[in-house]
Amino acid sequence: MKTSNFPCWLTPGELEQAQALLDLGFVYCGDADDFCGSEPCGKVQNWEFATAFGEVCLDAICNGALYSWCLETHPNFDDDGFFKTRLQEAKNAIKKAIKKQNEALPHKQLSLF
């Protein structure tokens, strides 16, 4: 795990979720405020997804940390449904990481007494 791919202000859980995005092909770009605006296209927990103006990419932003996935290098990037499929892949990767995190949490035993 390269620390340059992870901003120090993300929580351990968010860092695990970011790793799931990196595994898909996302790249950590830095502080989202340092980049041009984008068009929102979805959300999963603390992650907001967007498309960057003038770029064929999918952005994921969590607490100001920007990760981006360049899609124009993929075969068939201009096919109908391609972007929607990549967006769903990214959402599913984060949901899977969250589920794994939740399963790892200790369970409390309830008592009636």
N, C-alpha and C. Protein backbone atom coordinates (compact mmCIF):
# COMPACT_ATOMS: atom_id res chain seq x y z
N MET A 1 0.85 -1.17 0.00
CA MET A 1 0.00 0.00 0.00
C MET A 1 0.89 1.24 0.00
N LYS A 2 0.85 2.00 -1.09
CA LYS A 2 1.65 3.21 -1.19
C LYS A 2 0.94 4.35 -0.47
N THR A 3 1.63 4.97 0.47
CA THR A 3 1.00 6.04 1.24
C THR A 3 0.70 7.27 0.39
N SER A 4 1.38 7.44 -0.75
CA SER A 4 1.11 8.59 -1.60
C SER A 4 -0.28 8.50 -2.25
N ASN A 5 -0.88 7.33 -2.20
CA ASN A 5 -2.22 7.13 -2.76
C ASN A 5 -3.32 7.44 -1.76
N PHE A 6 -2.94 7.83 -0.55
CA PHE A 6 -3.93 8.02 0.50
C PHE A 6 -3.71 9.33 1.25
N PRO A 7 -4.71 10.19 1.26
CA PRO A 7 -4.59 11.42 2.05
C PRO A 7 -4.68 11.09 3.54
N CYS A 8 -3.94 11.81 4.34
CA CYS A 8 -3.85 11.52 5.77
C CYS A 8 -5.14 11.79 6.54
N TRP A 9 -6.06 12.56 5.98
CA TRP A 9 -7.26 12.93 6.73
C TRP A 9 -8.41 11.94 6.59
N LEU A 10 -8.29 10.95 5.73
CA LEU A 10 -9.36 9.96 5.62
C LEU A 10 -9.28 8.98 6.78
N THR A 11 -10.44 8.50 7.21
CA THR A 11 -10.50 7.53 8.29
C THR A 11 -9.96 6.19 7.81
N PRO A 12 -9.62 5.28 8.73
CA PRO A 12 -9.17 3.95 8.29
C PRO A 12 -10.19 3.25 7.39
N GLY A 13 -11.46 3.38 7.69
CA GLY A 13 -12.49 2.78 6.85
C GLY A 13 -12.53 3.39 5.46
N GLU A 14 -12.42 4.71 5.39
CA GLU A 14 -12.41 5.38 4.09
C GLU A 14 -11.17 5.01 3.29
N LEU A 15 -10.06 4.79 3.99
CA LEU A 15 -8.83 4.38 3.31
C LEU A 15 -8.99 3.00 2.69
N GLU A 16 -9.66 2.10 3.38
CA GLU A 16 -9.93 0.77 2.82
C GLU A 16 -10.85 0.88 1.60
N GLN A 17 -11.81 1.76 1.67
CA GLN A 17 -12.71 1.98 0.55
C GLN A 17 -11.94 2.59 -0.62
N ALA A 18 -11.02 3.50 -0.33
CA ALA A 18 -10.19 4.11 -1.38
C ALA A 18 -9.34 3.04 -2.05
N GLN A 19 -8.84 2.09 -1.26
CA GLN A 19 -8.03 1.01 -1.83
C GLN A 19 -8.86 0.18 -2.82
N ALA A 20 -10.14 -0.01 -2.52
CA ALA A 20 -11.02 -0.74 -3.44
C ALA A 20 -11.13 0.01 -4.77
N LEU A 21 -11.16 1.33 -4.72
CA LEU A 21 -11.20 2.12 -5.95
C LEU A 21 -9.87 2.04 -6.70
N LEU A 22 -8.77 2.10 -5.96
CA LEU A 22 -7.46 1.98 -6.60
C LEU A 22 -7.34 0.64 -7.32
N ASP A 23 -7.88 -0.40 -6.71
CA ASP A 23 -7.83 -1.74 -7.31
C ASP A 23 -8.60 -1.79 -8.63
N LEU A 24 -9.61 -0.93 -8.79
CA LEU A 24 -10.36 -0.86 -10.03
C LEU A 24 -9.60 -0.11 -11.13
N GLY A 25 -8.73 0.79 -10.72
CA GLY A 25 -8.01 1.59 -11.71
C GLY A 25 -8.05 3.08 -11.42
N PHE A 26 -8.69 3.48 -10.33
CA PHE A 26 -8.70 4.88 -9.94
C PHE A 26 -7.29 5.30 -9.53
N VAL A 27 -7.03 6.59 -9.61
CA VAL A 27 -5.75 7.17 -9.20
C VAL A 27 -6.06 8.32 -8.25
N TYR A 28 -5.27 8.42 -7.17
CA TYR A 28 -5.44 9.54 -6.24
C TYR A 28 -4.88 10.79 -6.88
N CYS A 29 -5.68 11.84 -6.95
CA CYS A 29 -5.29 13.08 -7.62
C CYS A 29 -4.93 14.21 -6.65
N GLY A 30 -5.41 14.14 -5.42
CA GLY A 30 -5.13 15.20 -4.45
C GLY A 30 -6.42 15.80 -3.92
N ASP A 31 -6.32 17.04 -3.50
CA ASP A 31 -7.45 17.77 -2.93
C ASP A 31 -8.43 18.14 -4.05
N ALA A 32 -9.66 17.77 -3.90
CA ALA A 32 -10.68 18.02 -4.93
C ALA A 32 -10.83 19.51 -5.24
N ASP A 33 -10.55 20.37 -4.27
CA ASP A 33 -10.68 21.81 -4.49
C ASP A 33 -9.66 22.35 -5.49
N ASP A 34 -8.60 21.56 -5.74
CA ASP A 34 -7.56 21.99 -6.68
C ASP A 34 -7.89 21.64 -8.13
N PHE A 35 -9.07 21.08 -8.37
CA PHE A 35 -9.44 20.65 -9.71
C PHE A 35 -10.72 21.35 -10.17
N CYS A 36 -10.96 21.31 -11.47
CA CYS A 36 -12.14 21.95 -12.05
C CYS A 36 -13.41 21.27 -11.56
N GLY A 37 -14.52 21.93 -11.77
CA GLY A 37 -15.80 21.41 -11.36
C GLY A 37 -16.20 20.14 -12.08
N SER A 38 -17.22 19.51 -11.57
CA SER A 38 -17.68 18.26 -12.16
C SER A 38 -19.19 18.14 -11.98
N GLU A 39 -19.77 17.19 -12.68
CA GLU A 39 -21.21 16.96 -12.67
C GLU A 39 -21.51 15.73 -11.81
N PRO A 40 -22.23 15.88 -10.68
CA PRO A 40 -22.53 14.74 -9.81
C PRO A 40 -23.33 13.66 -10.55
N CYS A 41 -23.02 12.40 -10.23
CA CYS A 41 -23.75 11.30 -10.88
C CYS A 41 -24.03 10.14 -9.93
N GLY A 42 -23.77 10.29 -8.65
CA GLY A 42 -24.10 9.22 -7.72
C GLY A 42 -23.41 9.41 -6.39
N LYS A 43 -23.83 8.59 -5.41
CA LYS A 43 -23.28 8.69 -4.07
C LYS A 43 -23.41 7.35 -3.36
N VAL A 44 -22.38 7.00 -2.59
CA VAL A 44 -22.41 5.85 -1.70
C VAL A 44 -21.75 6.29 -0.40
N GLN A 45 -22.51 6.31 0.66
CA GLN A 45 -22.06 6.75 1.97
C GLN A 45 -21.33 8.09 1.86
N ASN A 46 -20.05 8.18 2.22
CA ASN A 46 -19.31 9.45 2.17
C ASN A 46 -18.71 9.75 0.81
N TRP A 47 -18.89 8.86 -0.15
CA TRP A 47 -18.29 9.01 -1.47
C TRP A 47 -19.29 9.61 -2.44
N GLU A 48 -18.86 10.65 -3.15
CA GLU A 48 -19.67 11.25 -4.21
C GLU A 48 -18.99 10.98 -5.53
N PHE A 49 -19.77 10.56 -6.51
CA PHE A 49 -19.24 10.29 -7.85
C PHE A 49 -19.65 11.41 -8.78
N ALA A 50 -18.76 11.70 -9.73
CA ALA A 50 -19.01 12.78 -10.67
C ALA A 50 -18.24 12.53 -11.96
N THR A 51 -18.64 13.26 -12.99
CA THR A 51 -17.90 13.26 -14.24
C THR A 51 -17.20 14.60 -14.35
N ALA A 52 -15.97 14.58 -14.78
CA ALA A 52 -15.21 15.82 -14.94
C ALA A 52 -15.57 16.46 -16.28
N PHE A 53 -15.75 17.77 -16.28
CA PHE A 53 -16.08 18.49 -17.50
C PHE A 53 -14.95 18.34 -18.52
N GLY A 54 -15.29 17.93 -19.73
CA GLY A 54 -14.31 17.83 -20.81
C GLY A 54 -13.41 16.61 -20.74
N GLU A 55 -13.66 15.70 -19.82
CA GLU A 55 -12.81 14.52 -19.67
C GLU A 55 -13.69 13.26 -19.73
N VAL A 56 -13.10 12.16 -20.18
CA VAL A 56 -13.80 10.88 -20.16
C VAL A 56 -13.27 10.13 -18.95
N CYS A 57 -13.81 10.49 -17.79
CA CYS A 57 -13.35 9.87 -16.55
C CYS A 57 -14.47 9.87 -15.52
N LEU A 58 -14.27 9.07 -14.51
CA LEU A 58 -15.19 9.00 -13.39
C LEU A 58 -14.43 9.44 -12.15
N ASP A 59 -14.94 10.44 -11.46
CA ASP A 59 -14.31 10.93 -10.24
C ASP A 59 -15.05 10.41 -9.02
N ALA A 60 -14.29 10.13 -7.97
CA ALA A 60 -14.85 9.74 -6.67
C ALA A 60 -14.22 10.67 -5.63
N ILE A 61 -15.08 11.32 -4.85
CA ILE A 61 -14.60 12.30 -3.88
C ILE A 61 -15.12 11.91 -2.49
N CYS A 62 -14.20 11.87 -1.54
CA CYS A 62 -14.56 11.59 -0.15
C CYS A 62 -13.83 12.58 0.74
N ASN A 63 -14.58 13.37 1.47
CA ASN A 63 -14.00 14.37 2.38
C ASN A 63 -12.91 15.19 1.72
N GLY A 64 -13.14 15.59 0.49
CA GLY A 64 -12.21 16.45 -0.23
C GLY A 64 -11.09 15.74 -0.96
N ALA A 65 -10.96 14.42 -0.78
CA ALA A 65 -9.93 13.66 -1.49
C ALA A 65 -10.50 13.20 -2.83
N LEU A 66 -9.79 13.51 -3.90
CA LEU A 66 -10.26 13.18 -5.24
C LEU A 66 -9.51 11.99 -5.81
N TYR A 67 -10.28 10.99 -6.23
CA TYR A 67 -9.76 9.85 -6.98
C TYR A 67 -10.43 9.88 -8.34
N SER A 68 -9.68 9.57 -9.38
CA SER A 68 -10.23 9.64 -10.73
C SER A 68 -9.86 8.39 -11.51
N TRP A 69 -10.77 7.97 -12.38
CA TRP A 69 -10.57 6.78 -13.21
C TRP A 69 -10.73 7.21 -14.67
N CYS A 70 -9.62 7.22 -15.40
CA CYS A 70 -9.65 7.58 -16.82
C CYS A 70 -10.30 6.44 -17.59
N LEU A 71 -11.38 6.74 -18.29
CA LEU A 71 -12.14 5.71 -18.98
C LEU A 71 -11.87 5.65 -20.48
N GLU A 72 -11.23 6.68 -21.03
CA GLU A 72 -11.03 6.69 -22.48
C GLU A 72 -9.99 5.69 -22.96
N THR A 73 -9.24 5.10 -22.05
CA THR A 73 -8.26 4.08 -22.44
C THR A 73 -8.88 2.69 -22.50
N HIS A 74 -10.10 2.56 -22.00
CA HIS A 74 -10.78 1.26 -22.02
C HIS A 74 -11.35 0.99 -23.41
N PRO A 75 -11.28 -0.26 -23.83
CA PRO A 75 -11.94 -0.60 -25.10
C PRO A 75 -13.45 -0.34 -24.97
N ASN A 76 -14.06 0.11 -26.01
CA ASN A 76 -15.51 0.33 -26.05
C ASN A 76 -15.98 1.42 -25.10
N PHE A 77 -15.11 2.39 -24.77
CA PHE A 77 -15.53 3.43 -23.81
C PHE A 77 -16.69 4.27 -24.33
N ASP A 78 -16.91 4.27 -25.63
CA ASP A 78 -17.99 5.08 -26.18
C ASP A 78 -19.27 4.28 -26.43
N ASP A 79 -19.30 3.02 -26.01
CA ASP A 79 -20.52 2.22 -26.16
C ASP A 79 -21.59 2.71 -25.19
N ASP A 80 -22.85 2.53 -25.61
CA ASP A 80 -23.97 2.86 -24.72
C ASP A 80 -23.87 2.03 -23.45
N GLY A 81 -24.05 2.65 -22.34
CA GLY A 81 -24.06 1.94 -21.06
C GLY A 81 -22.69 1.75 -20.44
N PHE A 82 -21.62 2.06 -21.16
CA PHE A 82 -20.27 1.84 -20.63
C PHE A 82 -20.05 2.63 -19.35
N PHE A 83 -20.34 3.92 -19.37
CA PHE A 83 -20.12 4.76 -18.19
C PHE A 83 -20.96 4.29 -17.02
N LYS A 84 -22.21 3.98 -17.29
CA LYS A 84 -23.12 3.53 -16.22
C LYS A 84 -22.59 2.24 -15.58
N THR A 85 -22.05 1.35 -16.40
CA THR A 85 -21.49 0.10 -15.89
C THR A 85 -20.27 0.38 -15.01
N ARG A 86 -19.38 1.29 -15.44
CA ARG A 86 -18.19 1.63 -14.64
C ARG A 86 -18.60 2.30 -13.33
N LEU A 87 -19.62 3.16 -13.38
CA LEU A 87 -20.12 3.81 -12.17
C LEU A 87 -20.63 2.76 -11.20
N GLN A 88 -21.38 1.80 -11.70
CA GLN A 88 -21.92 0.75 -10.83
C GLN A 88 -20.80 -0.11 -10.26
N GLU A 89 -19.75 -0.37 -11.05
CA GLU A 89 -18.58 -1.11 -10.55
C GLU A 89 -17.96 -0.39 -9.36
N ALA A 90 -17.78 0.91 -9.50
CA ALA A 90 -17.17 1.71 -8.43
C ALA A 90 -18.05 1.71 -7.18
N LYS A 91 -19.34 1.90 -7.37
CA LYS A 91 -20.26 1.87 -6.23
C LYS A 91 -20.22 0.52 -5.53
N ASN A 92 -20.22 -0.55 -6.32
CA ASN A 92 -20.19 -1.90 -5.75
C ASN A 92 -18.89 -2.16 -5.00
N ALA A 93 -17.78 -1.64 -5.49
CA ALA A 93 -16.50 -1.83 -4.81
C ALA A 93 -16.53 -1.18 -3.43
N ILE A 94 -17.10 0.01 -3.35
CA ILE A 94 -17.19 0.68 -2.05
C ILE A 94 -18.18 -0.04 -1.14
N LYS A 95 -19.32 -0.46 -1.68
CA LYS A 95 -20.29 -1.19 -0.87
C LYS A 95 -19.70 -2.49 -0.32
N LYS A 96 -18.91 -3.17 -1.14
CA LYS A 96 -18.27 -4.42 -0.72
C LYS A 96 -17.27 -4.14 0.41
N ALA A 97 -16.50 -3.06 0.29
CA ALA A 97 -15.54 -2.69 1.34
C ALA A 97 -16.27 -2.34 2.63
N ILE A 98 -17.38 -1.63 2.52
CA ILE A 98 -18.17 -1.26 3.71
C ILE A 98 -18.75 -2.51 4.36
N LYS A 99 -19.26 -3.42 3.55
CA LYS A 99 -19.82 -4.67 4.09
C LYS A 99 -18.75 -5.46 4.83
N LYS A 100 -17.57 -5.54 4.25
CA LYS A 100 -16.45 -6.25 4.88
C LYS A 100 -16.09 -5.58 6.21
N GLN A 101 -16.08 -4.26 6.23
CA GLN A 101 -15.77 -3.53 7.46
C GLN A 101 -16.83 -3.79 8.52
N ASN A 102 -18.09 -3.79 8.12
CA ASN A 102 -19.18 -4.02 9.07
C ASN A 102 -19.15 -5.43 9.64
N GLU A 103 -18.77 -6.40 8.80
CA GLU A 103 -18.69 -7.79 9.27
C GLU A 103 -17.55 -7.97 10.26
N ALA A 104 -16.54 -7.14 10.17
CA ALA A 104 -15.38 -7.24 11.06
C ALA A 104 -15.64 -6.58 12.42
N LEU A 105 -16.71 -5.80 12.53
CA LEU A 105 -17.03 -5.14 13.80
C LEU A 105 -17.46 -6.18 14.83
N PRO A 106 -17.03 -6.01 16.08
CA PRO A 106 -17.48 -6.95 17.11
C PRO A 106 -18.97 -6.76 17.37
N HIS A 107 -19.64 -7.87 17.62
CA HIS A 107 -21.08 -7.83 17.90
C HIS A 107 -21.29 -7.82 19.40
N LYS A 108 -22.25 -7.02 19.83
CA LYS A 108 -22.56 -6.95 21.26
C LYS A 108 -23.65 -7.96 21.59
N GLN A 109 -23.50 -8.62 22.72
CA GLN A 109 -24.50 -9.56 23.18
C GLN A 109 -25.55 -8.78 23.97
N LEU A 110 -26.79 -8.90 23.56
CA LEU A 110 -27.88 -8.24 24.28
C LEU A 110 -28.34 -9.13 25.41
N SER A 111 -28.77 -8.51 26.47
CA SER A 111 -29.25 -9.24 27.63
C SER A 111 -30.60 -8.72 28.05
N LEU A 112 -31.45 -9.62 28.48
CA LEU A 112 -32.78 -9.23 28.96
C LEU A 112 -32.75 -8.88 30.44
N PHE A 113 -31.68 -9.14 31.09
CA PHE A 113 -31.61 -8.91 32.55
C PHE A 113 -30.79 -7.70 32.87
